[in-house]
Protein backbone atom coordinates (compact mmCIF):
# COMPACT_ATOMS: atom_id res chain seq x y z
CA MET A 1 -17.33 55.49 -65.60
CA LYS A 2 -14.98 58.18 -64.26
CA SER A 3 -13.96 60.83 -66.77
CA ILE A 4 -10.51 62.41 -66.90
CA LEU A 5 -9.13 65.22 -69.04
CA VAL A 6 -5.34 65.07 -69.43
CA VAL A 7 -3.74 68.38 -70.42
CA ASP A 8 -0.07 68.09 -71.33
CA ASP A 9 2.05 69.24 -74.26
CA ASP A 10 4.06 66.01 -74.21
CA LYS A 11 2.10 63.87 -76.67
CA THR A 12 4.01 60.67 -75.84
CA PHE A 13 3.28 61.05 -72.14
CA CYS A 14 -0.40 61.68 -72.93
CA ALA A 15 -0.61 58.56 -75.09
CA VAL A 16 0.94 56.37 -72.39
CA LEU A 17 -1.31 57.84 -69.70
CA ASP A 18 -4.36 57.46 -71.95
CA ALA A 19 -3.63 53.77 -72.56
CA SER A 20 -2.97 53.06 -68.90
CA LEU A 21 -6.05 54.84 -67.56
CA SER A 22 -8.32 53.49 -70.32
CA ARG A 23 -7.34 49.93 -69.40
CA ARG A 24 -8.48 50.71 -65.87
CA GLY A 25 -11.92 51.76 -67.09
CA TYR A 26 -11.60 55.55 -67.19
CA GLU A 27 -13.03 57.64 -70.01
CA ILE A 28 -10.14 59.84 -71.18
CA ARG A 29 -9.87 62.98 -73.29
CA LEU A 30 -6.55 64.60 -74.21
CA ALA A 31 -5.54 68.20 -74.86
CA HIS A 32 -2.08 69.50 -75.63
CA ASP A 33 -2.58 73.20 -74.85
CA VAL A 34 -4.78 75.45 -72.73
CA ASP A 35 -7.01 76.64 -75.59
CA HIS A 36 -7.87 73.11 -76.74
CA ALA A 37 -8.33 71.98 -73.12
CA ALA A 38 -10.91 74.73 -72.59
CA ILE A 39 -12.91 73.54 -75.60
CA VAL A 40 -12.72 69.89 -74.54
CA ALA A 41 -13.66 70.70 -70.94
CA GLU A 42 -16.77 72.60 -72.05
CA LYS A 43 -18.04 69.62 -74.06
CA PHE A 44 -16.71 66.73 -71.96
CA GLU A 45 -17.22 68.13 -68.41
CA PRO A 46 -14.62 65.82 -66.82
CA GLU A 47 -14.78 64.75 -63.19
CA TRP A 48 -10.99 64.93 -62.90
CA VAL A 49 -8.34 66.95 -64.76
CA LEU A 50 -4.61 66.29 -64.80
CA VAL A 51 -2.89 69.55 -65.79
CA ASP A 52 0.72 70.11 -66.76
CA LEU A 53 1.65 73.46 -65.25
CA LYS A 54 4.64 74.17 -67.52
CA MET A 55 3.57 73.95 -71.14
CA VAL A 56 4.68 75.80 -74.24
CA GLY A 57 2.43 78.85 -74.45
CA ALA A 58 -0.08 79.44 -71.67
CA SER A 59 0.52 77.81 -68.29
CA GLY A 60 -1.81 75.13 -67.04
CA LEU A 61 -2.49 77.42 -64.08
CA GLU A 62 -4.45 79.69 -66.40
CA LEU A 63 -6.86 76.83 -67.10
CA ILE A 64 -7.86 76.18 -63.49
CA PRO A 65 -10.36 79.06 -63.03
CA LEU A 66 -12.10 78.11 -66.28
CA LEU A 67 -12.35 74.45 -65.26
CA LEU A 68 -13.87 75.43 -61.93
CA SER A 69 -16.35 77.77 -63.61
CA ILE A 70 -17.56 74.88 -65.77
CA ASP A 71 -17.96 72.59 -62.75
CA SER A 72 -16.87 73.64 -59.26
CA GLU A 73 -16.73 69.97 -58.24
CA THR A 74 -14.02 69.12 -60.78
CA ARG A 75 -10.97 67.62 -59.10
CA ILE A 76 -7.77 69.12 -60.45
């Protein structure tokens, strides 16, 4: 099963994306800010990450180096 971490501060968008991707057989985790995404990524080690670049607080761009340090093969 493919694993995807969705990082977006729009909770409605995340819920819709979660439902849609789950129906297609993906294992999904959600995070609504960079700090929570970092914690989830460490535990979940997703194959793919969908990152919102413009979020309240830290930008999704700040998350990319951390994600790649966890697994350099992660597709972002």
